[in-house]
């Protein structure tokens, strides 16, 4: 069973409840998989129900984001369209094997985890640059410290790489920024994976109870980085900087939110368990 745990809560009641219901539908289907005779019933009932519910949920989510002028709305619409296309490609009368149905359900629940933890988690969290409270949004200040030296030093490096990307975007002297931006985004992806591996090994060593939630969030963010379509830069030449600024704001916003709301709990756990 795939649990809708607290790390999946984004703090918007209607959206959280609709996510919980989606998990409920998928878990109900997983529970029925034990008997192969149930597979036609799962296909007949689940696919149309999921299609209808997802469409309603995405409409609610997009309307909310439009109302608050969320800058991530275009990215969300694109991801919603991809999920909708996947659901619409399936037919309720398809002759699914047990393995095919299990694979389909696993894909859907993993997509849902990834989407919630990498995209939905940021709904309403990204202010416009002119509204950001810090004169230097890329500064790794004391408020981000977890008290764990390894984690803090690696977080500081992630902030540095994101700053380097932003500096290239803002540069007035580089005529073609494309190659340098590609290089830096690749470095960011590689270092992020390196950091998450270190962080997870550390949490394992201290038997941190929130490890599973951390792993899900890390996997979602890495997946987001891996799936950045850098080919779009060549297709949107006149809006390249705008696209990249939005991307950097998202990456920095996610990292900031994750450190403040999730990683700092690791430091708190360490502090509370000293000497035990």
C-alpha atoms as a PDB file:
ATOM      1  CA  UNK A   1       0.000   0.000   0.000  1.00  0.00           C
ATOM      2  CA  UNK A   2       1.126   3.546  -0.770  1.00  0.00           C
ATOM      3  CA  UNK A   3       0.463   5.856   2.148  1.00  0.00           C
ATOM      4  CA  UNK A   4      -0.589   9.482   1.840  1.00  0.00           C
ATOM      5  CA  UNK A   5       1.778  10.640   4.574  1.00  0.00           C
ATOM      6  CA  UNK A   6       2.298  14.046   6.155  1.00  0.00           C
ATOM      7  CA  UNK A   7       5.207  14.810   3.836  1.00  0.00           C
ATOM      8  CA  UNK A   8       2.670  14.882   0.983  1.00  0.00           C
ATOM      9  CA  UNK A   9       0.575  17.623   2.591  1.00  0.00           C
ATOM     10  CA  UNK A  10       0.959  20.961   0.824  1.00  0.00           C
ATOM     11  CA  UNK A  11      -1.208  22.937   3.270  1.00  0.00           C
ATOM     12  CA  UNK A  12      -4.126  23.701   0.922  1.00  0.00           C
ATOM     13  CA  UNK A  13      -7.110  21.771   2.272  1.00  0.00           C
ATOM     14  CA  UNK A  14      -9.039  21.079  -0.930  1.00  0.00           C
ATOM     15  CA  UNK A  15      -5.947  20.005  -2.858  1.00  0.00           C
ATOM     16  CA  UNK A  16      -4.701  17.827   0.016  1.00  0.00           C
ATOM     17  CA  UNK A  17      -8.077  16.079   0.313  1.00  0.00           C
ATOM     18  CA  UNK A  18      -8.251  15.447  -3.419  1.00  0.00           C
ATOM     19  CA  UNK A  19      -4.731  14.006  -3.371  1.00  0.00           C
ATOM     20  CA  UNK A  20      -5.755  11.770  -0.472  1.00  0.00           C
ATOM     21  CA  UNK A  21      -8.753  10.543  -2.480  1.00  0.00           C
ATOM     22  CA  UNK A  22      -6.539   9.748  -5.490  1.00  0.00           C
ATOM     23  CA  UNK A  23      -4.266   7.658  -3.267  1.00  0.00           C
ATOM     24  CA  UNK A  24      -7.368   5.929  -1.902  1.00  0.00           C
ATOM     25  CA  UNK A  25      -8.535   4.937  -5.396  1.00  0.00           C
ATOM     26  CA  UNK A  26      -5.140   3.538  -6.314  1.00  0.00           C
ATOM     27  CA  UNK A  27      -4.737   1.634  -3.053  1.00  0.00           C
ATOM     28  CA  UNK A  28      -8.205   0.145  -3.468  1.00  0.00           C
ATOM     29  CA  UNK A  29      -7.147  -1.152  -6.877  1.00  0.00           C
ATOM     30  CA  UNK A  30      -3.866  -2.529  -5.489  1.00  0.00           C
ATOM     31  CA  UNK A  31      -5.837  -4.398  -2.813  1.00  0.00           C
ATOM     32  CA  UNK A  32      -7.981  -6.069  -5.490  1.00  0.00           C
ATOM     33  CA  UNK A  33      -4.965  -7.199  -7.527  1.00  0.00           C
ATOM     34  CA  UNK A  34      -4.508 -10.269  -5.347  1.00  0.00           C
ATOM     35  CA  UNK A  35      -7.229 -12.045  -7.316  1.00  0.00           C
ATOM     36  CA  UNK A  36      -6.632 -11.982 -11.115  1.00  0.00           C
ATOM     37  CA  UNK A  37     -10.398 -12.318 -11.603  1.00  0.00           C
ATOM     38  CA  UNK A  38     -10.739  -8.745 -10.347  1.00  0.00           C
ATOM     39  CA  UNK A  39      -8.599  -7.220 -13.113  1.00  0.00           C
ATOM     40  CA  UNK A  40     -11.418  -6.624 -15.650  1.00  0.00           C
ATOM     41  CA  UNK A  41     -13.439  -4.965 -12.878  1.00  0.00           C
ATOM     42  CA  UNK A  42     -10.469  -2.755 -11.934  1.00  0.00           C
ATOM     43  CA  UNK A  43     -10.083  -1.702 -15.567  1.00  0.00           C
ATOM     44  CA  UNK A  44     -13.812  -1.030 -16.020  1.00  0.00           C
ATOM     45  CA  UNK A  45     -14.166   0.944 -12.791  1.00  0.00           C
ATOM     46  CA  UNK A  46     -10.783   2.524 -12.080  1.00  0.00           C
ATOM     47  CA  UNK A  47      -9.810   3.966 -15.443  1.00  0.00           C
ATOM     48  CA  UNK A  48     -12.973   6.036 -16.091  1.00  0.00           C
ATOM     49  CA  UNK A  49     -13.091   7.072 -12.418  1.00  0.00           C
ATOM     50  CA  UNK A  50      -9.449   8.168 -12.437  1.00  0.00           C
ATOM     51  CA  UNK A  51      -9.903  10.014 -15.721  1.00  0.00           C
ATOM     52  CA  UNK A  52     -12.876  11.965 -14.377  1.00  0.00           C
ATOM     53  CA  UNK A  53     -11.365  12.637 -10.954  1.00  0.00           C
ATOM     54  CA  UNK A  54      -7.992  13.733 -12.312  1.00  0.00           C
ATOM     55  CA  UNK A  55      -9.667  16.166 -14.724  1.00  0.00           C
ATOM     56  CA  UNK A  56     -11.716  17.686 -11.884  1.00  0.00           C
ATOM     57  CA  UNK A  57      -8.728  17.853  -9.545  1.00  0.00           C
ATOM     58  CA  UNK A  58      -6.425  19.431 -12.125  1.00  0.00           C
ATOM     59  CA  UNK A  59      -9.103  22.014 -12.938  1.00  0.00           C
ATOM     60  CA  UNK A  60      -9.385  22.911  -9.224  1.00  0.00           C
ATOM     61  CA  UNK A  61      -5.611  23.106  -8.839  1.00  0.00           C
ATOM     62  CA  UNK A  62      -5.113  25.261 -11.924  1.00  0.00           C
ATOM     63  CA  UNK A  63      -7.985  27.586 -10.972  1.00  0.00           C
ATOM     64  CA  UNK A  64      -6.431  28.096  -7.538  1.00  0.00           C
ATOM     65  CA  UNK A  65      -3.012  28.814  -9.051  1.00  0.00           C
ATOM     66  CA  UNK A  66      -4.552  31.235 -11.544  1.00  0.00           C
ATOM     67  CA  UNK A  67      -6.347  33.032  -8.712  1.00  0.00           C
ATOM     68  CA  UNK A  68      -3.107  33.585  -6.777  1.00  0.00           C
ATOM     69  CA  UNK A  69      -1.101  34.367  -9.952  1.00  0.00           C
ATOM     70  CA  UNK A  70       1.267  31.470  -9.311  1.00  0.00           C
ATOM     71  CA  UNK A  71       4.225  31.673 -11.739  1.00  0.00           C
ATOM     72  CA  UNK A  72       4.423  27.872 -11.920  1.00  0.00           C
ATOM     73  CA  UNK A  73       0.990  27.508 -13.542  1.00  0.00           C
ATOM     74  CA  UNK A  74       2.336  26.907 -17.100  1.00  0.00           C
ATOM     75  CA  UNK A  75       4.639  24.141 -15.813  1.00  0.00           C
ATOM     76  CA  UNK A  76       1.769  22.577 -13.867  1.00  0.00           C
ATOM     77  CA  UNK A  77      -0.521  22.651 -16.904  1.00  0.00           C
ATOM     78  CA  UNK A  78       2.139  20.849 -18.929  1.00  0.00           C
ATOM     79  CA  UNK A  79       2.550  18.112 -16.305  1.00  0.00           C
ATOM     80  CA  UNK A  80      -1.215  17.730 -15.919  1.00  0.00           C
ATOM     81  CA  UNK A  81      -1.548  17.362 -19.697  1.00  0.00           C
ATOM     82  CA  UNK A  82       1.074  14.578 -19.718  1.00  0.00           C
ATOM     83  CA  UNK A  83      -0.777  12.652 -16.987  1.00  0.00           C
ATOM     84  CA  UNK A  84      -4.114  13.180 -18.736  1.00  0.00           C
ATOM     85  CA  UNK A  85      -2.684  11.892 -22.013  1.00  0.00           C
ATOM     86  CA  UNK A  86      -1.452   8.741 -20.242  1.00  0.00           C
ATOM     87  CA  UNK A  87      -4.861   8.120 -18.653  1.00  0.00           C
ATOM     88  CA  UNK A  88      -6.714   8.833 -21.905  1.00  0.00           C
ATOM     89  CA  UNK A  89      -4.513   6.382 -23.792  1.00  0.00           C
ATOM     90  CA  UNK A  90      -5.857   3.524 -21.660  1.00  0.00           C
ATOM     91  CA  UNK A  91      -9.170   1.869 -22.439  1.00  0.00           C
ATOM     92  CA  UNK A  92     -11.472   0.415 -19.832  1.00  0.00           C
ATOM     93  CA  UNK A  93     -12.014  -2.661 -21.995  1.00  0.00           C
ATOM     94  CA  UNK A  94      -8.310  -3.356 -22.574  1.00  0.00           C
ATOM     95  CA  UNK A  95      -7.326  -6.925 -21.800  1.00  0.00           C
ATOM     96  CA  UNK A  96      -4.838  -6.283 -18.999  1.00  0.00           C
ATOM     97  CA  UNK A  97      -2.681  -9.012 -17.492  1.00  0.00           C
ATOM     98  CA  UNK A  98      -2.014  -8.900 -13.757  1.00  0.00           C
ATOM     99  CA  UNK A  99       1.549  -7.689 -14.448  1.00  0.00           C
ATOM    100  CA  UNK A 100       0.351  -4.959 -16.829  1.00  0.00           C
ATOM    101  CA  UNK A 101      -2.233  -3.679 -14.367  1.00  0.00           C
ATOM    102  CA  UNK A 102       0.285  -3.701 -11.521  1.00  0.00           C
ATOM    103  CA  UNK A 103       2.786  -1.836 -13.697  1.00  0.00           C
ATOM    104  CA  UNK A 104       0.130   0.732 -14.629  1.00  0.00           C
ATOM    105  CA  UNK A 105      -0.930   1.323 -11.023  1.00  0.00           C
ATOM    106  CA  UNK A 106       2.700   1.633  -9.912  1.00  0.00           C
ATOM    107  CA  UNK A 107       3.353   4.204 -12.653  1.00  0.00           C
ATOM    108  CA  UNK A 108       0.309   6.243 -11.596  1.00  0.00           C
ATOM    109  CA  UNK A 109       1.131   6.282  -7.897  1.00  0.00           C
ATOM    110  CA  UNK A 110       4.798   7.112  -8.519  1.00  0.00           C
ATOM    111  CA  UNK A 111       3.775   9.924 -10.866  1.00  0.00           C
ATOM    112  CA  UNK A 112       1.456  11.245  -8.167  1.00  0.00           C
ATOM    113  CA  UNK A 113       4.180  11.149  -5.500  1.00  0.00           C
ATOM    114  CA  UNK A 114       6.646  12.884  -7.819  1.00  0.00           C
ATOM    115  CA  UNK A 115       4.172  15.537  -8.908  1.00  0.00           C
ATOM    116  CA  UNK A 116       3.063  16.364  -5.360  1.00  0.00           C
ATOM    117  CA  UNK A 117       6.568  16.459  -3.902  1.00  0.00           C
ATOM    118  CA  UNK A 118       8.257  18.353  -6.722  1.00  0.00           C
ATOM    119  CA  UNK A 119       5.509  20.587  -8.146  1.00  0.00           C
ATOM    120  CA  UNK A 120       2.416  20.826  -5.944  1.00  0.00           C
ATOM    121  CA  UNK A 121       4.575  21.390  -2.869  1.00  0.00           C
ATOM    122  CA  UNK A 122       5.553  24.744  -4.377  1.00  0.00           C
ATOM    123  CA  UNK A 123       2.038  26.077  -5.036  1.00  0.00           C
ATOM    124  CA  UNK A 124       1.860  29.566  -3.559  1.00  0.00           C
ATOM    125  CA  UNK A 125       5.450  29.394  -2.349  1.00  0.00           C
ATOM    126  CA  UNK A 126       7.238  31.309  -5.125  1.00  0.00           C
ATOM    127  CA  UNK A 127       7.065  35.098  -4.807  1.00  0.00           C
ATOM    128  CA  UNK A 128       8.038  37.286  -7.723  1.00  0.00           C
ATOM    129  CA  UNK A 129      11.703  38.293  -7.590  1.00  0.00           C
ATOM    130  CA  UNK A 130      10.813  41.848  -6.616  1.00  0.00           C
ATOM    131  CA  UNK A 131       8.832  40.487  -3.664  1.00  0.00           C
ATOM    132  CA  UNK A 132      11.614  38.288  -2.291  1.00  0.00           C
ATOM    133  CA  UNK A 133      12.500  39.292   1.228  1.00  0.00           C
ATOM    134  CA  UNK A 134      16.253  39.018   0.833  1.00  0.00           C
ATOM    135  CA  UNK A 135      18.354  41.387  -1.253  1.00  0.00           C
ATOM    136  CA  UNK A 136      20.406  38.306  -2.083  1.00  0.00           C
ATOM    137  CA  UNK A 137      18.070  35.324  -2.562  1.00  0.00           C
ATOM    138  CA  UNK A 138      21.056  33.039  -3.216  1.00  0.00           C
ATOM    139  CA  UNK A 139      22.743  33.681   0.141  1.00  0.00           C
ATOM    140  CA  UNK A 140      23.042  30.566   2.317  1.00  0.00           C
ATOM    141  CA  UNK A 141      22.261  32.293   5.615  1.00  0.00           C
ATOM    142  CA  UNK A 142      22.096  31.008   9.171  1.00  0.00           C
ATOM    143  CA  UNK A 143      18.359  30.331   8.909  1.00  0.00           C
ATOM    144  CA  UNK A 144      19.166  27.377   6.632  1.00  0.00           C
ATOM    145  CA  UNK A 145      21.605  25.722   9.045  1.00  0.00           C
ATOM    146  CA  UNK A 146      20.600  22.285  10.307  1.00  0.00           C
ATOM    147  CA  UNK A 147      23.527  22.033  12.730  1.00  0.00           C
ATOM    148  CA  UNK A 148      24.893  19.040  10.816  1.00  0.00           C
ATOM    149  CA  UNK A 149      28.171  20.126   9.227  1.00  0.00           C
ATOM    150  CA  UNK A 150      28.147  17.714   6.281  1.00  0.00           C
ATOM    151  CA  UNK A 151      24.584  18.600   5.274  1.00  0.00           C
ATOM    152  CA  UNK A 152      25.062  22.347   5.754  1.00  0.00           C
ATOM    153  CA  UNK A 153      28.253  22.477   3.688  1.00  0.00           C
ATOM    154  CA  UNK A 154      26.618  20.568   0.831  1.00  0.00           C
ATOM    155  CA  UNK A 155      23.518  22.772   0.953  1.00  0.00           C
ATOM    156  CA  UNK A 156      25.797  25.814   0.736  1.00  0.00           C
ATOM    157  CA  UNK A 157      27.386  24.383  -2.429  1.00  0.00           C
ATOM    158  CA  UNK A 158      23.969  23.817  -4.008  1.00  0.00           C
ATOM    159  CA  UNK A 159      23.116  27.477  -3.377  1.00  0.00           C
ATOM    160  CA  UNK A 160      26.446  28.457  -4.980  1.00  0.00           C
ATOM    161  CA  UNK A 161      25.750  26.475  -8.155  1.00  0.00           C
ATOM    162  CA  UNK A 162      22.263  27.966  -8.494  1.00  0.00           C
ATOM    163  CA  UNK A 163      23.792  31.427  -8.026  1.00  0.00           C
ATOM    164  CA  UNK A 164      26.330  30.673 -10.766  1.00  0.00           C
ATOM    165  CA  UNK A 165      23.509  29.753 -13.164  1.00  0.00           C
ATOM    166  CA  UNK A 166      21.656  32.959 -12.265  1.00  0.00           C
ATOM    167  CA  UNK A 167      24.819  35.019 -12.836  1.00  0.00           C
ATOM    168  CA  UNK A 168      25.238  33.569 -16.314  1.00  0.00           C
ATOM    169  CA  UNK A 169      21.592  34.319 -17.128  1.00  0.00           C
ATOM    170  CA  UNK A 170      22.012  37.922 -15.952  1.00  0.00           C
ATOM    171  CA  UNK A 171      25.346  38.424 -17.705  1.00  0.00           C
ATOM    172  CA  UNK A 172      25.378  41.158 -20.328  1.00  0.00           C
ATOM    173  CA  UNK A 173      28.790  40.165 -21.708  1.00  0.00           C
ATOM    174  CA  UNK A 174      28.181  36.516 -22.661  1.00  0.00           C
ATOM    175  CA  UNK A 175      26.723  36.452 -26.160  1.00  0.00           C
ATOM    176  CA  UNK A 176      25.774  32.757 -26.211  1.00  0.00           C
ATOM    177  CA  UNK A 177      25.052  31.541 -22.707  1.00  0.00           C
ATOM    178  CA  UNK A 178      23.605  28.203 -23.763  1.00  0.00           C
ATOM    179  CA  UNK A 179      26.676  25.961 -23.362  1.00  0.00           C
ATOM    180  CA  UNK A 180      27.614  27.408 -19.967  1.00  0.00           C
ATOM    181  CA  UNK A 181      24.067  27.092 -18.671  1.00  0.00           C
ATOM    182  CA  UNK A 182      23.914  23.469 -19.821  1.00  0.00           C
ATOM    183  CA  UNK A 183      27.212  22.757 -18.057  1.00  0.00           C
ATOM    184  CA  UNK A 184      26.057  24.332 -14.805  1.00  0.00           C
ATOM    185  CA  UNK A 185      22.661  22.602 -14.814  1.00  0.00           C
ATOM    186  CA  UNK A 186      24.423  19.271 -15.359  1.00  0.00           C
ATOM    187  CA  UNK A 187      26.720  20.093 -12.415  1.00  0.00           C
ATOM    188  CA  UNK A 188      23.668  20.979 -10.320  1.00  0.00           C
ATOM    189  CA  UNK A 189      21.994  17.670 -11.154  1.00  0.00           C
ATOM    190  CA  UNK A 190      25.141  15.641 -10.395  1.00  0.00           C
ATOM    191  CA  UNK A 191      25.855  17.460  -7.149  1.00  0.00           C
ATOM    192  CA  UNK A 192      22.219  17.201  -6.060  1.00  0.00           C
ATOM    193  CA  UNK A 193      22.308  13.423  -6.515  1.00  0.00           C
ATOM    194  CA  UNK A 194      25.622  13.261  -4.643  1.00  0.00           C
ATOM    195  CA  UNK A 195      24.212  15.363  -1.789  1.00  0.00           C
ATOM    196  CA  UNK A 196      20.963  13.411  -1.487  1.00  0.00           C
ATOM    197  CA  UNK A 197      22.940  10.160  -1.329  1.00  0.00           C
ATOM    198  CA  UNK A 198      25.108  11.570   1.488  1.00  0.00           C
ATOM    199  CA  UNK A 199      22.059  12.898   3.302  1.00  0.00           C
ATOM    200  CA  UNK A 200      20.200   9.592   3.081  1.00  0.00           C
ATOM    201  CA  UNK A 201      23.251   7.631   4.273  1.00  0.00           C
ATOM    202  CA  UNK A 202      23.540   9.985   7.242  1.00  0.00           C
ATOM    203  CA  UNK A 203      19.830   9.635   8.090  1.00  0.00           C
ATOM    204  CA  UNK A 204      20.149   5.857   7.863  1.00  0.00           C
ATOM    205  CA  UNK A 205      23.107   5.944  10.275  1.00  0.00           C
ATOM    206  CA  UNK A 206      21.048   7.809  12.906  1.00  0.00           C
ATOM    207  CA  UNK A 207      17.865   5.763  12.298  1.00  0.00           C
ATOM    208  CA  UNK A 208      15.967   8.893  11.316  1.00  0.00           C
ATOM    209  CA  UNK A 209      12.212   8.092  11.285  1.00  0.00           C
ATOM    210  CA  UNK A 210      11.467  10.447   8.380  1.00  0.00           C
ATOM    211  CA  UNK A 211      13.879   8.758   5.967  1.00  0.00           C
ATOM    212  CA  UNK A 212      11.215   7.306   3.653  1.00  0.00           C
ATOM    213  CA  UNK A 213       9.579  10.697   3.166  1.00  0.00           C
ATOM    214  CA  UNK A 214      12.967  12.267   2.487  1.00  0.00           C
ATOM    215  CA  UNK A 215      13.765   9.634  -0.128  1.00  0.00           C
ATOM    216  CA  UNK A 216      10.477  10.288  -1.908  1.00  0.00           C
ATOM    217  CA  UNK A 217      11.091  14.057  -1.944  1.00  0.00           C
ATOM    218  CA  UNK A 218      14.671  13.612  -3.146  1.00  0.00           C
ATOM    219  CA  UNK A 219      13.629  11.259  -5.935  1.00  0.00           C
ATOM    220  CA  UNK A 220      10.930  13.718  -7.039  1.00  0.00           C
ATOM    221  CA  UNK A 221      13.363  16.634  -7.210  1.00  0.00           C
ATOM    222  CA  UNK A 222      16.054  14.667  -9.043  1.00  0.00           C
ATOM    223  CA  UNK A 223      13.427  13.500 -11.511  1.00  0.00           C
ATOM    224  CA  UNK A 224      12.468  17.140 -12.060  1.00  0.00           C
ATOM    225  CA  UNK A 225      16.106  18.028 -12.773  1.00  0.00           C
ATOM    226  CA  UNK A 226      16.620  15.065 -15.081  1.00  0.00           C
ATOM    227  CA  UNK A 227      13.520  15.951 -17.084  1.00  0.00           C
ATOM    228  CA  UNK A 228      14.324  19.618 -17.652  1.00  0.00           C
ATOM    229  CA  UNK A 229      14.069  19.885 -21.423  1.00  0.00           C
ATOM    230  CA  UNK A 230      17.074  22.003 -22.285  1.00  0.00           C
ATOM    231  CA  UNK A 231      16.268  21.662 -25.984  1.00  0.00           C
ATOM    232  CA  UNK A 232      13.465  24.143 -25.300  1.00  0.00           C
ATOM    233  CA  UNK A 233      16.129  26.837 -24.926  1.00  0.00           C
ATOM    234  CA  UNK A 234      16.882  26.661 -28.630  1.00  0.00           C
ATOM    235  CA  UNK A 235      13.182  26.788 -29.488  1.00  0.00           C
ATOM    236  CA  UNK A 236      12.419  29.867 -27.359  1.00  0.00           C
ATOM    237  CA  UNK A 237      15.380  32.076 -28.198  1.00  0.00           C
ATOM    238  CA  UNK A 238      13.566  35.365 -27.646  1.00  0.00           C
ATOM    239  CA  UNK A 239      12.230  34.242 -24.239  1.00  0.00           C
ATOM    240  CA  UNK A 240      15.291  32.258 -23.134  1.00  0.00           C
ATOM    241  CA  UNK A 241      16.125  34.431 -20.127  1.00  0.00           C
ATOM    242  CA  UNK A 242      12.515  34.501 -18.945  1.00  0.00           C
ATOM    243  CA  UNK A 243      12.305  30.709 -19.127  1.00  0.00           C
ATOM    244  CA  UNK A 244      15.593  30.273 -17.258  1.00  0.00           C
ATOM    245  CA  UNK A 245      14.758  32.811 -14.559  1.00  0.00           C
ATOM    246  CA  UNK A 246      11.524  30.914 -13.901  1.00  0.00           C
ATOM    247  CA  UNK A 247      13.448  27.639 -13.746  1.00  0.00           C
ATOM    248  CA  UNK A 248      16.031  29.018 -11.312  1.00  0.00           C
ATOM    249  CA  UNK A 249      13.325  30.543  -9.115  1.00  0.00           C
ATOM    250  CA  UNK A 250      11.637  27.144  -8.958  1.00  0.00           C
ATOM    251  CA  UNK A 251      14.831  25.224  -8.128  1.00  0.00           C
ATOM    252  CA  UNK A 252      15.876  27.719  -5.464  1.00  0.00           C
ATOM    253  CA  UNK A 253      12.343  27.859  -4.069  1.00  0.00           C
ATOM    254  CA  UNK A 254      12.078  24.071  -3.802  1.00  0.00           C
ATOM    255  CA  UNK A 255      15.476  23.765  -2.133  1.00  0.00           C
ATOM    256  CA  UNK A 256      14.670  26.577   0.309  1.00  0.00           C
ATOM    257  CA  UNK A 257      11.307  25.047   1.223  1.00  0.00           C
ATOM    258  CA  UNK A 258      12.784  21.556   1.607  1.00  0.00           C
ATOM    259  CA  UNK A 259      15.604  22.704   3.881  1.00  0.00           C
ATOM    260  CA  UNK A 260      13.419  24.885   6.101  1.00  0.00           C
ATOM    261  CA  UNK A 261      10.473  22.493   6.409  1.00  0.00           C
ATOM    262  CA  UNK A 262      12.109  19.055   6.130  1.00  0.00           C
ATOM    263  CA  UNK A 263      15.898  19.010   6.530  1.00  0.00           C
ATOM    264  CA  UNK A 264      15.899  21.176   9.647  1.00  0.00           C
ATOM    265  CA  UNK A 265      13.823  18.454  11.323  1.00  0.00           C
ATOM    266  CA  UNK A 266      16.835  16.147  10.918  1.00  0.00           C
ATOM    267  CA  UNK A 267      18.955  18.604  12.901  1.00  0.00           C
ATOM    268  CA  UNK A 268      16.232  18.854  15.529  1.00  0.00           C
ATOM    269  CA  UNK A 269      16.097  15.046  15.790  1.00  0.00           C
ATOM    270  CA  UNK A 270      19.885  14.877  16.276  1.00  0.00           C
ATOM    271  CA  UNK A 271      19.784  17.586  18.942  1.00  0.00           C
ATOM    272  CA  UNK A 272      16.917  15.926  20.840  1.00  0.00           C
ATOM    273  CA  UNK A 273      18.642  12.529  20.801  1.00  0.00           C
ATOM    274  CA  UNK A 274      22.108  13.611  21.928  1.00  0.00           C
ATOM    275  CA  UNK A 275      23.452  11.358  24.604  1.00  0.00           C
ATOM    276  CA  UNK A 276      20.753   8.726  24.211  1.00  0.00           C
END
